[in-house]
Amino acid sequence: MNKRIGSLVAAAVMAALLGSCVSLNDRMMTPQEKAEAMVIGRVMADFTSYQILHIRNKNRIKRRAYNELMSVARFQYQGNIDVRNIKIQGGFGPWLTGVVRNIFCLGLFGNTQEITVTGDVVLLNGTHNSVEW
Protein backbone atom coordinates (compact mmCIF):
# COMPACT_ATOMS: atom_id res chain seq x y z
CA MET A 1 0.00 0.00 0.00
CA ASN A 2 2.81 2.43 0.87
CA LYS A 3 4.49 1.77 -2.49
CA ARG A 4 1.29 2.79 -4.30
CA ILE A 5 1.02 6.00 -2.35
CA GLY A 6 4.70 6.72 -2.97
CA SER A 7 4.24 6.04 -6.68
CA LEU A 8 1.23 8.36 -6.85
CA VAL A 9 3.10 11.12 -5.02
CA ALA A 10 6.12 10.71 -7.32
CA ALA A 11 3.86 10.81 -10.37
CA ALA A 12 2.11 13.93 -9.08
CA VAL A 13 5.45 15.67 -8.47
CA MET A 14 6.65 14.74 -11.98
CA ALA A 15 3.39 16.01 -13.47
CA ALA A 16 3.78 19.31 -11.63
CA LEU A 17 7.35 19.69 -12.86
CA LEU A 18 6.45 18.80 -16.44
CA GLY A 19 3.37 21.01 -16.51
CA SER A 20 5.19 24.30 -16.83
CA CYS A 21 3.58 27.28 -18.48
CA VAL A 22 3.70 27.87 -22.23
CA SER A 23 5.95 30.75 -23.32
CA LEU A 24 6.71 31.04 -27.04
CA ASN A 25 7.44 33.58 -29.77
CA ASP A 26 6.48 33.13 -33.40
CA ARG A 27 6.73 34.93 -36.74
CA MET A 28 9.25 37.46 -35.41
CA MET A 29 10.28 40.15 -37.88
CA THR A 30 13.88 40.52 -39.00
CA PRO A 31 15.56 43.94 -38.67
CA GLN A 32 15.14 44.45 -42.43
CA GLU A 33 11.43 43.59 -42.27
CA LYS A 34 11.01 45.99 -39.33
CA ALA A 35 12.58 48.80 -41.34
CA GLU A 36 10.34 48.15 -44.36
CA ALA A 37 7.09 47.17 -42.66
CA MET A 38 4.22 49.37 -41.63
CA VAL A 39 2.85 48.22 -38.27
CA ILE A 40 -0.72 49.49 -38.14
CA GLY A 41 -1.85 48.07 -34.82
CA ARG A 42 -1.70 45.38 -32.18
CA VAL A 43 -4.17 42.58 -31.51
CA MET A 44 -4.74 40.23 -28.58
CA ALA A 45 -6.67 36.99 -28.13
CA ASP A 46 -7.17 34.28 -25.51
CA PHE A 47 -7.79 30.56 -25.84
CA THR A 48 -7.48 27.37 -23.81
CA SER A 49 -4.98 24.64 -24.66
CA TYR A 50 -4.75 21.11 -23.26
CA GLN A 51 -1.36 19.38 -23.23
CA ILE A 52 -1.87 15.61 -23.22
CA LEU A 53 0.70 13.92 -20.97
CA HIS A 54 2.24 17.39 -20.44
CA ILE A 55 3.69 17.38 -23.95
CA ARG A 56 3.49 20.83 -25.53
CA ASN A 57 2.81 20.63 -29.24
CA LYS A 58 4.51 23.92 -30.10
CA ASN A 59 3.48 23.86 -33.76
CA ARG A 60 -0.19 23.33 -32.89
CA ILE A 61 -0.10 26.13 -30.29
CA LYS A 62 1.64 28.52 -32.71
CA ARG A 63 -0.83 27.70 -35.50
CA ARG A 64 -3.81 28.27 -33.21
CA ALA A 65 -2.32 31.52 -31.89
CA TYR A 66 -1.79 32.83 -35.43
CA ASN A 67 -5.32 31.86 -36.50
CA GLU A 68 -6.90 33.49 -33.44
CA LEU A 69 -4.94 36.72 -33.97
CA MET A 70 -5.67 36.83 -37.72
CA SER A 71 -9.38 36.46 -36.96
CA VAL A 72 -9.25 39.49 -34.64
CA ALA A 73 -7.05 41.46 -37.08
CA ARG A 74 -9.40 40.84 -40.03
CA PHE A 75 -12.30 42.07 -37.91
CA GLN A 76 -10.49 45.28 -36.91
CA TYR A 77 -8.47 46.09 -40.04
CA GLN A 78 -8.92 45.91 -43.79
CA GLY A 79 -6.40 45.47 -46.57
CA ASN A 80 -3.56 43.07 -47.18
CA ILE A 81 -2.52 42.42 -43.58
CA ASP A 82 -0.57 39.84 -41.62
CA VAL A 83 0.18 39.28 -37.94
CA ARG A 84 3.84 39.24 -36.91
CA ASN A 85 5.87 39.35 -33.68
CA ILE A 86 3.52 36.93 -31.93
CA LYS A 87 4.04 36.47 -28.20
CA ILE A 88 2.39 33.45 -26.56
CA GLN A 89 2.03 33.27 -22.78
CA GLY A 90 0.21 30.52 -20.93
CA GLY A 91 -0.70 29.86 -17.36
CA PHE A 92 -2.99 27.77 -15.26
CA GLY A 93 -6.45 29.26 -15.02
CA PRO A 94 -8.05 29.70 -11.58
CA TRP A 95 -10.81 27.20 -12.43
CA LEU A 96 -8.23 24.39 -12.56
CA THR A 97 -8.06 24.22 -8.79
CA GLY A 98 -11.53 22.70 -8.50
CA VAL A 99 -13.38 19.81 -10.03
CA VAL A 100 -11.63 19.90 -13.42
CA ARG A 101 -8.21 19.38 -11.81
CA ASN A 102 -9.53 16.37 -9.88
CA ILE A 103 -11.07 14.85 -13.01
CA PHE A 104 -7.60 14.68 -14.57
CA CYS A 105 -6.14 12.94 -11.48
CA LEU A 106 -4.22 15.95 -10.21
CA GLY A 107 -2.78 16.54 -13.63
CA LEU A 108 -1.23 13.11 -14.14
CA PHE A 109 -2.55 12.85 -17.69
CA GLY A 110 -2.00 16.41 -18.86
CA ASN A 111 -2.66 20.04 -18.10
CA THR A 112 -4.92 22.78 -19.34
CA GLN A 113 -3.58 26.27 -19.77
CA GLU A 114 -5.14 29.64 -20.48
CA ILE A 115 -3.13 31.08 -23.38
CA THR A 116 -2.91 34.83 -24.09
CA VAL A 117 -1.43 35.85 -27.43
CA THR A 118 -0.50 39.27 -28.78
CA GLY A 119 0.86 40.31 -32.15
CA ASP A 120 1.54 43.26 -34.40
CA VAL A 121 -0.72 43.83 -37.40
CA VAL A 122 1.45 44.60 -40.41
CA LEU A 123 0.27 46.12 -43.67
CA LEU A 124 1.90 44.13 -46.46
CA ASN A 125 1.30 46.74 -49.19
CA GLY A 126 -1.17 49.43 -50.11
CA THR A 127 -3.43 51.32 -47.76
CA HIS A 128 -5.61 50.22 -44.90
CA ASN A 129 -8.78 51.19 -43.11
CA SER A 130 -9.06 50.66 -39.39
CA VAL A 131 -12.46 49.89 -37.90
CA GLU A 132 -12.93 52.15 -34.88
CA TRP A 133 -15.47 51.26 -32.21
C-alpha atoms as a PDB file:
ATOM      1  CA  MET A   1       0.000   0.000   0.000  1.00  0.00           C
ATOM      2  CA  ASN A   2       2.814   2.433   0.870  1.00  0.00           C
ATOM      3  CA  LYS A   3       4.493   1.769  -2.493  1.00  0.00           C
ATOM      4  CA  ARG A   4       1.285   2.788  -4.297  1.00  0.00           C
ATOM      5  CA  ILE A   5       1.018   6.004  -2.351  1.00  0.00           C
ATOM      6  CA  GLY A   6       4.702   6.716  -2.974  1.00  0.00           C
ATOM      7  CA  SER A   7       4.244   6.043  -6.679  1.00  0.00           C
ATOM      8  CA  LEU A   8       1.234   8.363  -6.846  1.00  0.00           C
ATOM      9  CA  VAL A   9       3.105  11.125  -5.020  1.00  0.00           C
ATOM     10  CA  ALA A  10       6.122  10.709  -7.319  1.00  0.00           C
ATOM     11  CA  ALA A  11       3.860  10.806 -10.368  1.00  0.00           C
ATOM     12  CA  ALA A  12       2.107  13.935  -9.085  1.00  0.00           C
ATOM     13  CA  VAL A  13       5.455  15.666  -8.475  1.00  0.00           C
ATOM     14  CA  MET A  14       6.650  14.742 -11.981  1.00  0.00           C
ATOM     15  CA  ALA A  15       3.386  16.014 -13.473  1.00  0.00           C
ATOM     16  CA  ALA A  16       3.776  19.314 -11.633  1.00  0.00           C
ATOM     17  CA  LEU A  17       7.349  19.694 -12.864  1.00  0.00           C
ATOM     18  CA  LEU A  18       6.455  18.801 -16.440  1.00  0.00           C
ATOM     19  CA  GLY A  19       3.368  21.012 -16.514  1.00  0.00           C
ATOM     20  CA  SER A  20       5.190  24.303 -16.829  1.00  0.00           C
ATOM     21  CA  CYS A  21       3.576  27.282 -18.479  1.00  0.00           C
ATOM     22  CA  VAL A  22       3.701  27.872 -22.225  1.00  0.00           C
ATOM     23  CA  SER A  23       5.954  30.747 -23.321  1.00  0.00           C
ATOM     24  CA  LEU A  24       6.715  31.043 -27.043  1.00  0.00           C
ATOM     25  CA  ASN A  25       7.441  33.580 -29.769  1.00  0.00           C
ATOM     26  CA  ASP A  26       6.479  33.128 -33.403  1.00  0.00           C
ATOM     27  CA  ARG A  27       6.727  34.933 -36.738  1.00  0.00           C
ATOM     28  CA  MET A  28       9.252  37.462 -35.412  1.00  0.00           C
ATOM     29  CA  MET A  29      10.279  40.153 -37.881  1.00  0.00           C
ATOM     30  CA  THR A  30      13.877  40.519 -38.996  1.00  0.00           C
ATOM     31  CA  PRO A  31      15.559  43.938 -38.671  1.00  0.00           C
ATOM     32  CA  GLN A  32      15.142  44.447 -42.427  1.00  0.00           C
ATOM     33  CA  GLU A  33      11.434  43.592 -42.266  1.00  0.00           C
ATOM     34  CA  LYS A  34      11.011  45.986 -39.331  1.00  0.00           C
ATOM     35  CA  ALA A  35      12.576  48.804 -41.340  1.00  0.00           C
ATOM     36  CA  GLU A  36      10.338  48.150 -44.357  1.00  0.00           C
ATOM     37  CA  ALA A  37       7.086  47.166 -42.659  1.00  0.00           C
ATOM     38  CA  MET A  38       4.223  49.373 -41.630  1.00  0.00           C
ATOM     39  CA  VAL A  39       2.855  48.223 -38.269  1.00  0.00           C
ATOM     40  CA  ILE A  40      -0.722  49.490 -38.141  1.00  0.00           C
ATOM     41  CA  GLY A  41      -1.852  48.066 -34.824  1.00  0.00           C
ATOM     42  CA  ARG A  42      -1.697  45.383 -32.184  1.00  0.00           C
ATOM     43  CA  VAL A  43      -4.175  42.583 -31.510  1.00  0.00           C
ATOM     44  CA  MET A  44      -4.743  40.235 -28.585  1.00  0.00           C
ATOM     45  CA  ALA A  45      -6.671  36.992 -28.126  1.00  0.00           C
ATOM     46  CA  ASP A  46      -7.174  34.284 -25.505  1.00  0.00           C
ATOM     47  CA  PHE A  47      -7.786  30.556 -25.838  1.00  0.00           C
ATOM     48  CA  THR A  48      -7.476  27.368 -23.811  1.00  0.00           C
ATOM     49  CA  SER A  49      -4.977  24.644 -24.658  1.00  0.00           C
ATOM     50  CA  TYR A  50      -4.753  21.111 -23.262  1.00  0.00           C
ATOM     51  CA  GLN A  51      -1.364  19.380 -23.232  1.00  0.00           C
ATOM     52  CA  ILE A  52      -1.875  15.612 -23.223  1.00  0.00           C
ATOM     53  CA  LEU A  53       0.698  13.924 -20.974  1.00  0.00           C
ATOM     54  CA  HIS A  54       2.237  17.394 -20.436  1.00  0.00           C
ATOM     55  CA  ILE A  55       3.687  17.383 -23.953  1.00  0.00           C
ATOM     56  CA  ARG A  56       3.492  20.827 -25.526  1.00  0.00           C
ATOM     57  CA  ASN A  57       2.814  20.627 -29.243  1.00  0.00           C
ATOM     58  CA  LYS A  58       4.514  23.920 -30.100  1.00  0.00           C
ATOM     59  CA  ASN A  59       3.482  23.857 -33.762  1.00  0.00           C
ATOM     60  CA  ARG A  60      -0.188  23.329 -32.886  1.00  0.00           C
ATOM     61  CA  ILE A  61      -0.101  26.128 -30.286  1.00  0.00           C
ATOM     62  CA  LYS A  62       1.639  28.522 -32.713  1.00  0.00           C
ATOM     63  CA  ARG A  63      -0.826  27.705 -35.502  1.00  0.00           C
ATOM     64  CA  ARG A  64      -3.812  28.267 -33.206  1.00  0.00           C
ATOM     65  CA  ALA A  65      -2.323  31.525 -31.892  1.00  0.00           C
ATOM     66  CA  TYR A  66      -1.794  32.829 -35.429  1.00  0.00           C
ATOM     67  CA  ASN A  67      -5.319  31.855 -36.502  1.00  0.00           C
ATOM     68  CA  GLU A  68      -6.899  33.495 -33.442  1.00  0.00           C
ATOM     69  CA  LEU A  69      -4.938  36.717 -33.972  1.00  0.00           C
ATOM     70  CA  MET A  70      -5.669  36.833 -37.716  1.00  0.00           C
ATOM     71  CA  SER A  71      -9.376  36.464 -36.963  1.00  0.00           C
ATOM     72  CA  VAL A  72      -9.249  39.486 -34.644  1.00  0.00           C
ATOM     73  CA  ALA A  73      -7.054  41.455 -37.080  1.00  0.00           C
ATOM     74  CA  ARG A  74      -9.398  40.845 -40.030  1.00  0.00           C
ATOM     75  CA  PHE A  75     -12.297  42.069 -37.908  1.00  0.00           C
ATOM     76  CA  GLN A  76     -10.493  45.279 -36.910  1.00  0.00           C
ATOM     77  CA  TYR A  77      -8.467  46.087 -40.045  1.00  0.00           C
ATOM     78  CA  GLN A  78      -8.919  45.905 -43.791  1.00  0.00           C
ATOM     79  CA  GLY A  79      -6.404  45.473 -46.567  1.00  0.00           C
ATOM     80  CA  ASN A  80      -3.558  43.074 -47.185  1.00  0.00           C
ATOM     81  CA  ILE A  81      -2.520  42.420 -43.582  1.00  0.00           C
ATOM     82  CA  ASP A  82      -0.574  39.836 -41.624  1.00  0.00           C
ATOM     83  CA  VAL A  83       0.178  39.280 -37.939  1.00  0.00           C
ATOM     84  CA  ARG A  84       3.837  39.240 -36.911  1.00  0.00           C
ATOM     85  CA  ASN A  85       5.865  39.346 -33.677  1.00  0.00           C
ATOM     86  CA  ILE A  86       3.516  36.932 -31.935  1.00  0.00           C
ATOM     87  CA  LYS A  87       4.043  36.471 -28.203  1.00  0.00           C
ATOM     88  CA  ILE A  88       2.386  33.454 -26.564  1.00  0.00           C
ATOM     89  CA  GLN A  89       2.032  33.269 -22.777  1.00  0.00           C
ATOM     90  CA  GLY A  90       0.207  30.519 -20.930  1.00  0.00           C
ATOM     91  CA  GLY A  91      -0.700  29.859 -17.360  1.00  0.00           C
ATOM     92  CA  PHE A  92      -2.986  27.771 -15.261  1.00  0.00           C
ATOM     93  CA  GLY A  93      -6.453  29.263 -15.016  1.00  0.00           C
ATOM     94  CA  PRO A  94      -8.054  29.700 -11.584  1.00  0.00           C
ATOM     95  CA  TRP A  95     -10.808  27.201 -12.433  1.00  0.00           C
ATOM     96  CA  LEU A  96      -8.232  24.393 -12.556  1.00  0.00           C
ATOM     97  CA  THR A  97      -8.056  24.218  -8.787  1.00  0.00           C
ATOM     98  CA  GLY A  98     -11.526  22.701  -8.496  1.00  0.00           C
ATOM     99  CA  VAL A  99     -13.381  19.806 -10.031  1.00  0.00           C
ATOM    100  CA  VAL A 100     -11.626  19.903 -13.415  1.00  0.00           C
ATOM    101  CA  ARG A 101      -8.209  19.377 -11.808  1.00  0.00           C
ATOM    102  CA  ASN A 102      -9.529  16.370  -9.883  1.00  0.00           C
ATOM    103  CA  ILE A 103     -11.068  14.847 -13.014  1.00  0.00           C
ATOM    104  CA  PHE A 104      -7.597  14.681 -14.569  1.00  0.00           C
ATOM    105  CA  CYS A 105      -6.139  12.938 -11.483  1.00  0.00           C
ATOM    106  CA  LEU A 106      -4.223  15.953 -10.208  1.00  0.00           C
ATOM    107  CA  GLY A 107      -2.781  16.544 -13.626  1.00  0.00           C
ATOM    108  CA  LEU A 108      -1.226  13.114 -14.138  1.00  0.00           C
ATOM    109  CA  PHE A 109      -2.552  12.851 -17.693  1.00  0.00           C
ATOM    110  CA  GLY A 110      -1.998  16.415 -18.856  1.00  0.00           C
ATOM    111  CA  ASN A 111      -2.658  20.043 -18.096  1.00  0.00           C
ATOM    112  CA  THR A 112      -4.919  22.776 -19.340  1.00  0.00           C
ATOM    113  CA  GLN A 113      -3.575  26.274 -19.774  1.00  0.00           C
ATOM    114  CA  GLU A 114      -5.142  29.635 -20.483  1.00  0.00           C
ATOM    115  CA  ILE A 115      -3.131  31.081 -23.377  1.00  0.00           C
ATOM    116  CA  THR A 116      -2.907  34.833 -24.089  1.00  0.00           C
ATOM    117  CA  VAL A 117      -1.434  35.847 -27.431  1.00  0.00           C
ATOM    118  CA  THR A 118      -0.499  39.274 -28.782  1.00  0.00           C
ATOM    119  CA  GLY A 119       0.857  40.310 -32.148  1.00  0.00           C
ATOM    120  CA  ASP A 120       1.538  43.262 -34.404  1.00  0.00           C
ATOM    121  CA  VAL A 121      -0.724  43.828 -37.402  1.00  0.00           C
ATOM    122  CA  VAL A 122       1.447  44.595 -40.407  1.00  0.00           C
ATOM    123  CA  LEU A 123       0.275  46.118 -43.668  1.00  0.00           C
ATOM    124  CA  LEU A 124       1.898  44.134 -46.461  1.00  0.00           C
ATOM    125  CA  ASN A 125       1.298  46.743 -49.192  1.00  0.00           C
ATOM    126  CA  GLY A 126      -1.170  49.434 -50.114  1.00  0.00           C
ATOM    127  CA  THR A 127      -3.427  51.323 -47.761  1.00  0.00           C
ATOM    128  CA  HIS A 128      -5.610  50.221 -44.900  1.00  0.00           C
ATOM    129  CA  ASN A 129      -8.784  51.194 -43.107  1.00  0.00           C
ATOM    130  CA  SER A 130      -9.058  50.662 -39.390  1.00  0.00           C
ATOM    131  CA  VAL A 131     -12.457  49.892 -37.897  1.00  0.00           C
ATOM    132  CA  GLU A 132     -12.931  52.153 -34.878  1.00  0.00           C
ATOM    133  CA  TRP A 133     -15.466  51.256 -32.213  1.00  0.00           C
END
